[in-house]
Structures are given as structure tokens and as C-alpha cells.
N, C-alpha and C. Protein backbone atom coordinates (compact mmCIF):
# COMPACT_ATOMS: atom_id res chain seq x y z
N UNK A 1 -49.15 50.28 124.18
CA UNK A 1 -49.02 49.61 125.48
C UNK A 1 -47.69 49.97 126.12
N UNK A 2 -47.69 50.32 127.40
CA UNK A 2 -46.48 50.70 128.08
C UNK A 2 -45.53 49.51 128.19
N UNK A 3 -44.22 49.85 128.18
CA UNK A 3 -43.20 48.80 128.23
C UNK A 3 -43.36 47.93 129.47
N UNK A 4 -43.65 48.55 130.63
CA UNK A 4 -43.78 47.77 131.87
C UNK A 4 -44.93 46.77 131.77
N UNK A 5 -46.05 47.19 131.15
CA UNK A 5 -47.18 46.28 130.99
C UNK A 5 -46.84 45.14 130.04
N UNK A 6 -46.08 45.44 128.97
CA UNK A 6 -45.67 44.41 128.02
C UNK A 6 -44.77 43.39 128.70
N UNK A 7 -43.83 43.87 129.52
CA UNK A 7 -42.93 42.97 130.24
C UNK A 7 -43.74 42.09 131.20
N UNK A 8 -44.72 42.71 131.89
CA UNK A 8 -45.55 41.95 132.82
C UNK A 8 -46.31 40.85 132.11
N UNK A 9 -46.93 41.17 130.95
CA UNK A 9 -47.68 40.18 130.21
C UNK A 9 -46.78 39.03 129.76
N UNK A 10 -45.56 39.38 129.34
CA UNK A 10 -44.62 38.35 128.90
C UNK A 10 -44.30 37.41 130.05
N UNK A 11 -44.05 37.97 131.23
CA UNK A 11 -43.76 37.15 132.40
C UNK A 11 -44.95 36.27 132.76
N UNK A 12 -46.16 36.85 132.66
CA UNK A 12 -47.37 36.06 132.94
C UNK A 12 -47.49 34.87 132.02
N UNK A 13 -47.23 35.09 130.72
CA UNK A 13 -47.35 34.01 129.76
C UNK A 13 -46.36 32.90 130.08
N UNK A 14 -45.14 33.28 130.50
CA UNK A 14 -44.16 32.27 130.85
C UNK A 14 -44.62 31.47 132.07
N UNK A 15 -45.17 32.17 133.06
CA UNK A 15 -45.59 31.50 134.29
C UNK A 15 -46.81 30.63 134.06
N UNK A 16 -47.64 30.96 133.08
CA UNK A 16 -48.85 30.18 132.82
C UNK A 16 -48.51 28.80 132.27
N UNK A 17 -47.40 28.69 131.53
CA UNK A 17 -47.07 27.35 131.06
C UNK A 17 -46.41 27.30 129.70
N UNK A 18 -45.59 28.26 129.36
CA UNK A 18 -44.82 28.24 128.12
C UNK A 18 -45.68 27.95 126.91
N UNK A 19 -46.56 28.89 126.56
CA UNK A 19 -47.43 28.71 125.41
C UNK A 19 -46.63 28.44 124.14
N UNK A 20 -45.45 29.06 124.04
CA UNK A 20 -44.65 28.91 122.82
C UNK A 20 -44.22 27.45 122.62
N UNK A 21 -44.06 26.73 123.74
CA UNK A 21 -43.62 25.34 123.65
C UNK A 21 -44.78 24.36 123.57
N UNK A 22 -46.00 24.83 123.84
CA UNK A 22 -47.15 23.94 123.85
C UNK A 22 -48.31 24.62 123.15
N UNK A 23 -48.41 24.42 121.85
CA UNK A 23 -49.43 25.10 121.05
C UNK A 23 -50.84 24.63 121.41
N UNK A 24 -50.93 23.48 122.08
CA UNK A 24 -52.25 22.96 122.46
C UNK A 24 -52.72 23.54 123.79
N UNK A 25 -51.85 24.29 124.48
CA UNK A 25 -52.24 24.84 125.78
C UNK A 25 -53.39 25.83 125.62
N UNK A 26 -54.36 25.79 126.51
CA UNK A 26 -55.49 26.73 126.41
C UNK A 26 -55.06 28.16 126.65
N UNK A 27 -55.67 29.08 125.91
CA UNK A 27 -55.36 30.50 126.10
C UNK A 27 -56.18 31.01 127.27
N UNK A 28 -55.56 31.79 128.15
CA UNK A 28 -56.24 32.25 129.35
C UNK A 28 -56.26 33.77 129.39
N UNK A 29 -57.45 34.37 129.23
CA UNK A 29 -57.56 35.84 129.25
C UNK A 29 -57.13 36.42 130.60
N UNK A 30 -56.66 37.66 130.55
CA UNK A 30 -56.27 38.40 131.75
C UNK A 30 -57.17 39.61 131.88
N UNK A 31 -57.63 39.86 133.10
CA UNK A 31 -58.50 41.01 133.37
C UNK A 31 -57.91 41.82 134.52
N UNK A 32 -57.87 43.13 134.31
CA UNK A 32 -57.43 44.06 135.35
C UNK A 32 -58.65 44.60 136.10
N UNK A 33 -58.63 44.48 137.42
CA UNK A 33 -59.67 45.05 138.27
C UNK A 33 -59.01 46.16 139.09
N UNK A 34 -59.24 47.39 138.70
CA UNK A 34 -58.64 48.52 139.40
C UNK A 34 -59.57 48.95 140.54
N UNK A 35 -59.01 49.02 141.74
CA UNK A 35 -59.81 49.39 142.92
C UNK A 35 -59.17 50.59 143.61
N UNK A 36 -59.87 51.12 144.57
CA UNK A 36 -59.33 52.23 145.36
C UNK A 36 -58.21 51.78 146.29
N UNK A 37 -57.95 50.48 146.34
CA UNK A 37 -56.83 49.94 147.10
C UNK A 37 -55.68 49.51 146.19
N UNK A 38 -55.89 49.59 144.87
CA UNK A 38 -54.86 49.17 143.93
C UNK A 38 -55.40 48.22 142.89
N UNK A 39 -54.51 47.70 142.06
CA UNK A 39 -54.90 46.86 140.92
C UNK A 39 -54.77 45.37 141.25
N UNK A 40 -55.80 44.62 140.84
CA UNK A 40 -55.80 43.16 140.92
C UNK A 40 -55.88 42.64 139.49
N UNK A 41 -55.00 41.72 139.12
CA UNK A 41 -55.08 41.11 137.79
C UNK A 41 -55.41 39.63 137.96
N UNK A 42 -56.44 39.20 137.25
CA UNK A 42 -56.88 37.81 137.34
C UNK A 42 -56.69 37.11 136.00
N UNK A 43 -56.28 35.86 136.09
CA UNK A 43 -56.16 34.97 134.93
C UNK A 43 -57.40 34.09 134.91
N UNK A 44 -58.13 34.08 133.79
CA UNK A 44 -59.37 33.33 133.69
C UNK A 44 -59.15 31.96 133.06
N UNK A 45 -60.07 31.04 133.32
CA UNK A 45 -59.93 29.66 132.85
C UNK A 45 -61.12 29.24 131.99
N UNK A 46 -61.19 29.74 130.74
CA UNK A 46 -62.34 29.39 129.89
C UNK A 46 -62.41 27.92 129.53
N UNK A 47 -61.28 27.21 129.58
CA UNK A 47 -61.31 25.79 129.26
C UNK A 47 -61.96 24.98 130.38
N UNK A 48 -62.06 25.58 131.57
CA UNK A 48 -62.67 24.92 132.72
C UNK A 48 -64.09 25.42 132.99
N UNK A 49 -64.33 26.69 132.73
CA UNK A 49 -65.64 27.29 133.02
C UNK A 49 -66.02 28.25 131.89
N UNK A 50 -66.30 27.72 130.70
CA UNK A 50 -66.51 28.57 129.53
C UNK A 50 -67.67 29.56 129.64
N UNK A 51 -68.81 29.11 130.16
CA UNK A 51 -69.97 30.01 130.27
C UNK A 51 -69.74 31.08 131.33
N UNK A 52 -69.08 30.69 132.41
CA UNK A 52 -68.80 31.63 133.49
C UNK A 52 -67.82 32.70 133.04
N UNK A 53 -66.76 32.29 132.36
CA UNK A 53 -65.77 33.24 131.87
C UNK A 53 -66.39 34.17 130.83
N UNK A 54 -67.18 33.63 129.92
CA UNK A 54 -67.83 34.46 128.91
C UNK A 54 -68.75 35.49 129.57
N UNK A 55 -69.48 35.05 130.58
CA UNK A 55 -70.38 35.94 131.32
C UNK A 55 -69.58 37.06 132.00
N UNK A 56 -68.49 36.70 132.67
CA UNK A 56 -67.67 37.68 133.38
C UNK A 56 -67.07 38.69 132.39
N UNK A 57 -66.54 38.20 131.28
CA UNK A 57 -65.95 39.09 130.28
C UNK A 57 -66.99 40.04 129.68
N UNK A 58 -68.21 39.54 129.51
CA UNK A 58 -69.27 40.40 128.98
C UNK A 58 -69.54 41.56 129.93
N UNK A 59 -69.60 41.27 131.22
CA UNK A 59 -69.80 42.34 132.21
C UNK A 59 -68.62 43.30 132.22
N UNK A 60 -67.41 42.76 132.14
CA UNK A 60 -66.22 43.62 132.13
C UNK A 60 -66.25 44.57 130.93
N UNK A 61 -66.49 44.02 129.75
CA UNK A 61 -66.45 44.83 128.52
C UNK A 61 -67.54 45.89 128.48
N UNK A 62 -68.65 45.62 129.15
CA UNK A 62 -69.77 46.57 129.13
C UNK A 62 -69.57 47.72 130.12
N UNK A 63 -68.54 47.61 130.96
CA UNK A 63 -68.32 48.64 131.98
C UNK A 63 -69.18 48.46 133.22
N UNK A 64 -69.84 47.31 133.33
CA UNK A 64 -70.77 47.05 134.42
C UNK A 64 -70.12 47.22 135.80
N UNK A 65 -68.88 46.76 135.93
CA UNK A 65 -68.25 46.75 137.25
C UNK A 65 -67.74 48.10 137.72
N UNK A 66 -67.68 49.07 136.83
CA UNK A 66 -67.18 50.38 137.23
C UNK A 66 -68.08 51.00 138.29
N UNK A 67 -67.44 51.47 139.35
CA UNK A 67 -68.12 52.13 140.48
C UNK A 67 -69.01 51.18 141.28
N UNK A 68 -68.74 49.87 141.17
CA UNK A 68 -69.34 48.94 142.13
C UNK A 68 -68.34 48.77 143.28
N UNK A 69 -68.77 48.13 144.35
CA UNK A 69 -67.94 48.03 145.54
C UNK A 69 -67.74 46.58 145.98
N UNK A 70 -66.72 46.39 146.81
CA UNK A 70 -66.61 45.15 147.56
C UNK A 70 -67.46 45.35 148.81
N UNK A 71 -68.64 44.77 148.79
CA UNK A 71 -69.64 45.06 149.83
C UNK A 71 -69.63 44.06 150.97
N UNK A 72 -68.90 42.98 150.83
CA UNK A 72 -68.87 41.93 151.88
C UNK A 72 -67.44 41.44 152.03
N UNK A 73 -66.87 41.66 153.19
CA UNK A 73 -65.48 41.30 153.45
C UNK A 73 -65.41 40.53 154.77
N UNK A 74 -64.93 39.30 154.70
CA UNK A 74 -64.82 38.46 155.90
C UNK A 74 -63.38 37.97 156.01
N UNK A 75 -62.69 38.42 157.03
CA UNK A 75 -61.28 38.06 157.22
C UNK A 75 -61.13 36.55 157.34
N UNK A 76 -60.11 36.02 156.68
CA UNK A 76 -59.87 34.59 156.72
C UNK A 76 -60.83 33.80 155.87
N UNK A 77 -61.59 34.47 155.01
CA UNK A 77 -62.58 33.78 154.17
C UNK A 77 -62.57 34.31 152.74
N UNK A 78 -63.13 35.52 152.52
CA UNK A 78 -63.21 36.02 151.15
C UNK A 78 -63.60 37.49 151.13
N UNK A 79 -63.43 38.11 149.93
CA UNK A 79 -63.92 39.46 149.66
C UNK A 79 -64.88 39.36 148.47
N UNK A 80 -66.06 39.96 148.60
CA UNK A 80 -67.10 39.82 147.58
C UNK A 80 -67.52 41.17 147.03
N UNK A 81 -67.70 41.23 145.73
CA UNK A 81 -68.13 42.49 145.12
C UNK A 81 -68.73 42.28 143.75
N UNK A 82 -68.91 43.42 143.05
CA UNK A 82 -69.33 43.37 141.66
C UNK A 82 -70.81 43.49 141.41
N UNK A 83 -71.60 43.90 142.42
CA UNK A 83 -73.03 43.98 142.16
C UNK A 83 -73.74 45.18 142.75
N UNK A 84 -73.08 45.86 143.71
CA UNK A 84 -73.71 46.99 144.38
C UNK A 84 -72.90 48.27 144.16
N UNK A 85 -73.60 49.39 144.08
CA UNK A 85 -72.93 50.68 143.98
C UNK A 85 -72.58 51.16 145.38
N UNK A 86 -71.84 52.26 145.45
CA UNK A 86 -71.38 52.78 146.74
C UNK A 86 -72.54 53.19 147.64
N UNK A 87 -73.70 53.53 147.05
CA UNK A 87 -74.88 53.86 147.87
C UNK A 87 -75.78 52.64 148.08
N UNK A 88 -75.22 51.46 147.81
CA UNK A 88 -75.87 50.18 148.09
C UNK A 88 -77.10 49.92 147.23
N UNK A 89 -77.10 50.46 146.05
CA UNK A 89 -78.12 50.10 145.07
C UNK A 89 -77.63 48.88 144.29
N UNK A 90 -78.51 47.91 144.11
CA UNK A 90 -78.14 46.71 143.37
C UNK A 90 -78.31 46.96 141.88
N UNK A 91 -77.26 46.69 141.12
CA UNK A 91 -77.31 46.93 139.68
C UNK A 91 -78.09 45.81 138.97
N UNK A 92 -78.79 46.20 137.93
CA UNK A 92 -79.55 45.22 137.15
C UNK A 92 -78.59 44.35 136.36
N UNK A 93 -78.81 43.05 136.43
CA UNK A 93 -77.91 42.10 135.78
C UNK A 93 -78.58 41.38 134.62
N UNK A 94 -77.77 40.63 133.89
CA UNK A 94 -78.28 39.73 132.86
C UNK A 94 -78.87 38.49 133.54
N UNK A 95 -79.36 37.57 132.75
CA UNK A 95 -79.92 36.34 133.29
C UNK A 95 -78.84 35.51 134.00
N UNK A 96 -79.21 34.78 135.04
CA UNK A 96 -78.23 33.93 135.73
C UNK A 96 -77.64 32.89 134.78
N UNK A 97 -76.49 32.36 135.19
CA UNK A 97 -75.80 31.37 134.36
C UNK A 97 -75.78 30.01 135.06
N UNK A 98 -75.58 28.93 134.29
CA UNK A 98 -75.48 27.60 134.90
C UNK A 98 -74.24 27.52 135.79
N UNK A 99 -74.34 26.75 136.84
CA UNK A 99 -73.23 26.55 137.77
C UNK A 99 -72.23 25.57 137.15
N UNK A 100 -70.99 26.03 136.97
CA UNK A 100 -69.93 25.19 136.39
C UNK A 100 -68.89 24.78 137.45
N UNK A 101 -69.33 24.67 138.70
CA UNK A 101 -68.39 24.35 139.77
C UNK A 101 -67.78 22.96 139.64
N UNK A 102 -68.44 22.08 138.92
CA UNK A 102 -67.93 20.72 138.73
C UNK A 102 -66.89 20.70 137.62
N UNK A 103 -65.81 21.47 137.82
CA UNK A 103 -64.81 21.63 136.76
C UNK A 103 -63.39 21.27 137.21
N UNK A 104 -63.26 20.78 138.43
CA UNK A 104 -61.94 20.37 138.91
C UNK A 104 -61.14 21.47 139.59
N UNK A 105 -61.63 22.71 139.53
CA UNK A 105 -60.93 23.81 140.18
C UNK A 105 -61.44 23.96 141.61
N UNK A 106 -60.54 24.23 142.53
CA UNK A 106 -60.88 24.32 143.94
C UNK A 106 -60.83 25.76 144.43
N UNK A 107 -61.66 26.07 145.43
CA UNK A 107 -61.69 27.40 146.04
C UNK A 107 -60.48 27.59 146.95
N UNK A 108 -59.32 27.70 146.34
CA UNK A 108 -58.09 27.92 147.08
C UNK A 108 -57.80 29.41 147.21
N UNK A 109 -56.86 29.75 148.07
CA UNK A 109 -56.54 31.15 148.32
C UNK A 109 -56.18 31.87 147.03
N UNK A 110 -56.75 33.04 146.85
CA UNK A 110 -56.55 33.94 145.70
C UNK A 110 -57.22 33.46 144.41
N UNK A 111 -58.09 32.44 144.50
CA UNK A 111 -58.89 32.12 143.32
C UNK A 111 -60.13 33.02 143.30
N UNK A 112 -60.68 33.21 142.11
CA UNK A 112 -61.90 34.01 141.95
C UNK A 112 -63.04 33.07 141.59
N UNK A 113 -64.18 33.27 142.22
CA UNK A 113 -65.34 32.39 142.04
C UNK A 113 -66.61 33.22 141.97
N UNK A 114 -67.69 32.61 141.49
CA UNK A 114 -68.96 33.30 141.37
C UNK A 114 -69.75 33.24 142.68
N UNK A 115 -70.30 34.38 143.08
CA UNK A 115 -71.22 34.43 144.21
C UNK A 115 -72.62 34.09 143.72
N UNK A 116 -73.46 33.59 144.61
CA UNK A 116 -74.82 33.22 144.23
C UNK A 116 -75.69 33.14 145.47
N UNK A 117 -76.98 32.91 145.27
CA UNK A 117 -77.91 32.68 146.36
C UNK A 117 -77.92 31.18 146.67
N UNK A 118 -78.90 30.73 147.44
CA UNK A 118 -79.02 29.30 147.74
C UNK A 118 -79.36 28.47 146.50
N UNK A 119 -79.88 29.14 145.48
CA UNK A 119 -80.13 28.46 144.21
C UNK A 119 -78.78 28.23 143.52
N UNK A 120 -78.40 26.97 143.24
CA UNK A 120 -77.09 26.70 142.66
C UNK A 120 -76.84 27.41 141.34
N UNK A 121 -77.90 27.69 140.60
CA UNK A 121 -77.75 28.27 139.27
C UNK A 121 -78.24 29.72 139.22
N UNK A 122 -77.89 30.49 140.24
CA UNK A 122 -78.36 31.87 140.35
C UNK A 122 -77.26 32.91 140.18
N UNK A 123 -76.03 32.49 139.88
CA UNK A 123 -74.93 33.44 139.74
C UNK A 123 -75.17 34.37 138.55
N UNK A 124 -74.88 35.64 138.75
CA UNK A 124 -75.05 36.62 137.67
C UNK A 124 -73.76 37.43 137.50
N UNK A 125 -73.60 38.52 138.27
CA UNK A 125 -72.44 39.39 138.12
C UNK A 125 -71.50 39.35 139.31
N UNK A 126 -72.03 39.10 140.50
CA UNK A 126 -71.19 39.19 141.69
C UNK A 126 -70.18 38.04 141.76
N UNK A 127 -69.00 38.36 142.24
CA UNK A 127 -67.92 37.39 142.36
C UNK A 127 -67.25 37.57 143.72
N UNK A 128 -66.43 36.61 144.08
CA UNK A 128 -65.63 36.76 145.30
C UNK A 128 -64.23 36.20 145.06
N UNK A 129 -63.29 36.73 145.82
CA UNK A 129 -61.92 36.24 145.78
C UNK A 129 -61.64 35.59 147.13
N UNK A 130 -61.26 34.34 147.09
CA UNK A 130 -60.95 33.60 148.31
C UNK A 130 -59.69 34.16 148.96
N UNK A 131 -59.73 34.42 150.27
CA UNK A 131 -58.55 34.88 150.98
C UNK A 131 -57.99 33.78 151.88
N UNK A 132 -58.52 32.59 151.72
CA UNK A 132 -58.04 31.39 152.40
C UNK A 132 -58.43 30.21 151.51
N UNK A 133 -57.92 29.04 151.82
CA UNK A 133 -58.35 27.85 151.09
C UNK A 133 -59.69 27.42 151.64
N UNK A 134 -60.73 27.55 150.80
CA UNK A 134 -62.11 27.27 151.22
C UNK A 134 -62.67 26.09 150.43
N UNK A 135 -62.01 24.94 150.54
CA UNK A 135 -62.46 23.80 149.75
C UNK A 135 -63.84 23.29 150.15
N UNK A 136 -64.35 23.76 151.29
CA UNK A 136 -65.73 23.42 151.67
C UNK A 136 -66.73 24.01 150.67
N UNK A 137 -66.27 24.99 149.87
CA UNK A 137 -67.14 25.60 148.88
C UNK A 137 -67.09 24.88 147.53
N UNK A 138 -66.29 23.84 147.42
CA UNK A 138 -66.14 23.12 146.16
C UNK A 138 -67.35 22.24 145.84
N UNK A 139 -67.47 21.88 144.58
CA UNK A 139 -68.54 20.97 144.13
C UNK A 139 -68.41 19.63 144.82
N UNK A 140 -69.56 19.11 145.28
CA UNK A 140 -69.60 17.78 145.89
C UNK A 140 -70.56 16.86 145.14
N UNK A 141 -71.74 17.36 144.83
CA UNK A 141 -72.72 16.60 144.08
C UNK A 141 -73.75 17.57 143.53
N UNK A 142 -74.71 17.05 142.77
CA UNK A 142 -75.69 17.93 142.12
C UNK A 142 -76.95 18.16 142.93
N UNK A 143 -76.87 17.95 144.24
CA UNK A 143 -77.99 18.34 145.09
C UNK A 143 -77.91 19.84 145.32
N UNK A 144 -78.97 20.44 145.81
CA UNK A 144 -78.97 21.89 146.01
C UNK A 144 -77.85 22.34 146.93
N UNK A 145 -77.57 21.55 147.96
CA UNK A 145 -76.54 21.94 148.92
C UNK A 145 -75.14 21.50 148.52
N UNK A 146 -75.02 20.70 147.46
CA UNK A 146 -73.72 20.14 147.11
C UNK A 146 -73.05 20.73 145.89
N UNK A 147 -73.75 21.64 145.19
CA UNK A 147 -73.22 22.17 143.94
C UNK A 147 -71.93 22.96 144.13
N UNK A 148 -71.81 23.69 145.23
CA UNK A 148 -70.61 24.48 145.45
C UNK A 148 -70.61 25.78 144.66
N UNK A 149 -69.45 26.42 144.65
CA UNK A 149 -69.28 27.74 144.03
C UNK A 149 -68.20 27.65 142.95
N UNK A 150 -68.53 28.14 141.78
CA UNK A 150 -67.69 27.95 140.60
C UNK A 150 -66.44 28.84 140.60
N UNK A 151 -65.28 28.20 140.66
CA UNK A 151 -64.01 28.90 140.47
C UNK A 151 -63.77 29.04 138.97
N UNK A 152 -63.40 30.24 138.53
CA UNK A 152 -63.17 30.43 137.10
C UNK A 152 -61.87 31.17 136.80
N UNK A 153 -61.00 31.31 137.80
CA UNK A 153 -59.72 31.96 137.58
C UNK A 153 -58.97 32.14 138.88
N UNK A 154 -57.88 32.91 138.80
CA UNK A 154 -57.06 33.15 139.98
C UNK A 154 -56.38 34.51 139.85
N UNK A 155 -56.03 35.07 140.99
CA UNK A 155 -55.27 36.31 141.01
C UNK A 155 -53.81 35.99 140.70
N UNK A 156 -53.22 36.70 139.75
CA UNK A 156 -51.80 36.49 139.43
C UNK A 156 -50.97 37.73 139.75
N UNK A 157 -51.63 38.85 140.03
CA UNK A 157 -50.93 40.06 140.48
C UNK A 157 -51.90 40.85 141.35
N UNK A 158 -51.36 41.43 142.43
CA UNK A 158 -52.21 42.21 143.32
C UNK A 158 -52.70 41.44 144.51
N UNK A 159 -51.99 40.37 144.88
CA UNK A 159 -52.36 39.65 146.09
C UNK A 159 -52.32 40.59 147.29
N UNK A 160 -51.36 41.54 147.28
CA UNK A 160 -51.27 42.49 148.38
C UNK A 160 -52.48 43.40 148.44
N UNK A 161 -53.09 43.68 147.27
CA UNK A 161 -54.31 44.48 147.22
C UNK A 161 -55.47 43.69 147.81
N UNK A 162 -55.56 42.41 147.45
CA UNK A 162 -56.58 41.53 148.04
C UNK A 162 -56.43 41.51 149.56
N UNK A 163 -55.19 41.38 150.02
CA UNK A 163 -54.93 41.36 151.46
C UNK A 163 -55.35 42.67 152.12
N UNK A 164 -55.09 43.80 151.43
CA UNK A 164 -55.44 45.11 151.98
C UNK A 164 -56.96 45.27 152.10
N UNK A 165 -57.69 44.75 151.09
CA UNK A 165 -59.15 44.81 151.15
C UNK A 165 -59.66 43.93 152.28
N UNK A 166 -59.07 42.75 152.41
CA UNK A 166 -59.48 41.83 153.46
C UNK A 166 -59.28 42.44 154.85
N UNK A 167 -58.30 43.33 154.97
CA UNK A 167 -57.93 43.88 156.28
C UNK A 167 -58.77 45.08 156.70
N UNK A 168 -59.66 45.58 155.84
CA UNK A 168 -60.42 46.79 156.19
C UNK A 168 -61.38 46.50 157.34
N UNK A 169 -61.70 47.53 158.08
CA UNK A 169 -62.66 47.41 159.16
C UNK A 169 -64.06 47.29 158.59
N UNK A 170 -64.88 46.45 159.19
CA UNK A 170 -66.24 46.23 158.70
C UNK A 170 -67.24 46.38 159.84
N UNK A 171 -68.50 46.56 159.44
CA UNK A 171 -69.60 46.64 160.41
C UNK A 171 -70.88 46.28 159.67
N UNK A 172 -72.02 46.47 160.31
CA UNK A 172 -73.31 46.19 159.69
C UNK A 172 -73.84 47.45 159.02
N UNK A 173 -74.59 47.22 157.95
CA UNK A 173 -75.25 48.32 157.24
C UNK A 173 -76.66 47.86 156.92
N UNK A 174 -77.62 48.27 157.73
CA UNK A 174 -78.98 47.78 157.55
C UNK A 174 -79.03 46.29 157.80
N UNK A 175 -79.51 45.54 156.80
CA UNK A 175 -79.62 44.09 156.92
C UNK A 175 -78.33 43.38 156.53
N UNK A 176 -77.34 44.13 156.08
CA UNK A 176 -76.10 43.52 155.60
C UNK A 176 -75.02 43.55 156.67
N UNK A 177 -74.30 42.44 156.78
CA UNK A 177 -73.17 42.35 157.70
C UNK A 177 -71.86 42.35 156.92
N UNK A 178 -70.76 42.56 157.62
CA UNK A 178 -69.41 42.47 157.04
C UNK A 178 -69.19 43.49 155.93
N UNK A 179 -69.77 44.67 156.10
CA UNK A 179 -69.65 45.75 155.11
C UNK A 179 -68.48 46.65 155.48
N UNK A 180 -67.54 46.91 154.56
CA UNK A 180 -66.43 47.82 154.87
C UNK A 180 -66.93 49.18 155.34
N UNK A 181 -66.30 49.70 156.40
CA UNK A 181 -66.68 51.02 156.90
C UNK A 181 -66.37 52.11 155.88
N UNK A 182 -65.26 51.93 155.16
CA UNK A 182 -64.89 52.85 154.08
C UNK A 182 -65.03 52.11 152.76
N UNK A 183 -65.79 52.65 151.83
CA UNK A 183 -66.08 51.96 150.58
C UNK A 183 -64.81 51.59 149.82
N UNK A 184 -64.73 50.32 149.40
CA UNK A 184 -63.67 49.86 148.51
C UNK A 184 -64.30 49.73 147.13
N UNK A 185 -63.95 50.65 146.24
CA UNK A 185 -64.64 50.79 144.95
C UNK A 185 -63.82 50.18 143.82
N UNK A 186 -64.51 49.49 142.92
CA UNK A 186 -63.92 49.07 141.65
C UNK A 186 -64.07 50.25 140.69
N UNK A 187 -62.98 50.92 140.40
CA UNK A 187 -63.05 52.10 139.55
C UNK A 187 -63.07 51.75 138.08
N UNK A 188 -62.47 50.61 137.74
CA UNK A 188 -62.45 50.19 136.34
C UNK A 188 -62.07 48.72 136.25
N UNK A 189 -62.69 48.02 135.31
CA UNK A 189 -62.31 46.64 135.01
C UNK A 189 -62.13 46.53 133.51
N UNK A 190 -61.00 46.01 133.08
CA UNK A 190 -60.70 45.95 131.66
C UNK A 190 -60.04 44.62 131.29
N UNK A 191 -60.31 44.17 130.07
CA UNK A 191 -59.63 43.00 129.54
C UNK A 191 -58.28 43.49 129.00
N UNK A 192 -57.18 42.93 129.51
CA UNK A 192 -55.88 43.37 129.04
C UNK A 192 -55.21 42.36 128.13
N UNK A 193 -55.80 41.18 128.02
CA UNK A 193 -55.31 40.16 127.09
C UNK A 193 -56.43 39.19 126.83
N UNK A 194 -56.73 38.97 125.55
CA UNK A 194 -57.83 38.07 125.21
C UNK A 194 -57.40 37.15 124.08
N UNK A 195 -58.14 36.09 123.88
CA UNK A 195 -57.82 35.08 122.87
C UNK A 195 -57.64 35.73 121.50
N UNK A 196 -56.43 35.65 120.91
CA UNK A 196 -56.20 36.29 119.61
C UNK A 196 -57.01 35.66 118.49
N UNK A 197 -57.50 34.42 118.68
CA UNK A 197 -58.31 33.78 117.64
C UNK A 197 -59.63 34.46 117.45
N UNK A 198 -60.08 35.26 118.47
CA UNK A 198 -61.35 35.94 118.40
C UNK A 198 -61.20 37.40 117.97
N UNK A 199 -59.97 37.84 117.77
CA UNK A 199 -59.73 39.25 117.42
C UNK A 199 -59.79 39.45 115.91
């Protein structure tokens, strides 16, 4: 591991909450999402959304996200990706997961959450990063319209990359709106720190 990456991880651990001083603190995996606009690093929250985090890590480790795109970008709202290739083919996913939005985490700026259809429990691989505080997307109740969207982590490095993606020009592509005119590709997604108890 390069010295700069080791220093970065050390700083991240300190900012997360002094694990050395609190052995009961939950361990939070870190994932690197490398894009054509730069690198985004997200800190995941398995203690808040265990099934969602496990699902996301499974896709990351399998290489699923490589060469997928951010296909929906809405300024002042969010950037969404992780399910379509650059030629707009939808990748085959695993079975949907239960919605864990009722976990106390809010759709605040730079948090990462699961995308889904109108079915509350339809999230599979696609995710979005909030580019504003979107608490209207939070869990309200267990009705179909009240489930909200599950936050399962936050961006801790690469906010400028998120901002750059949010700033791209968009237009319509067939039936899809808010599509970047120039493809923003996820070239690689990797786990850069994981729970040592599982290693």
C-alpha cells in the first residue's frame, strides 16, 4: 500500500471517531469509486444498514460496477449510477433487498443511498449520492409512499468529484431525462478497508 494511501486511511480512522479509544465503536468499511472525473471514497455504515452494505460490497467485489455510468444527474439534487453501461444497457442484478431506510440516517448532502422503483423493496445495484440535503427522501412510515430511500454511507473524500459530476451538461436520451451529454464512467470500484474480524 502506498504511503499516501496509508496516511489517508489513518486520517479517516481518526475522523470517524477514534477507534483506538473506543473498542465498541462499529467498524466502517471504505470503498473507492474511481470515475472518469476522479476518485470518490465512501464510508459505509453496516451497523445502520447491514443488508444494504453487504449487498453493495458484494457488487463492488464482483466487479459489477466497472464500466457502468452515472446515467442520471440533477443539479441541486443527486447523481445516480451503478446499473447501466455506457451504451445504456441495463446490467443483470441480484435479487432486490429489503428497504432499511428506517435506520436514523438522513439523505443529507454527500450521503450515499440506494435507488429504487416505486416499490419500496426494489433496490438492487443502483445508488445515488445526494448533492443537497434531501430529507424529503427520508423514511416516514411503512406505507408505499413513506418508506423513503436508504442511506448507507457518506462521501469522505472526493466531494469535488461529486460536484464535478453534478455540474455536467445533461439532456434527454430516448425515454430517459437528465442524462450526461458526455458519459461519466465508473472505471473501477474497490474495497480499500474492510472489517478485520472477517479477514
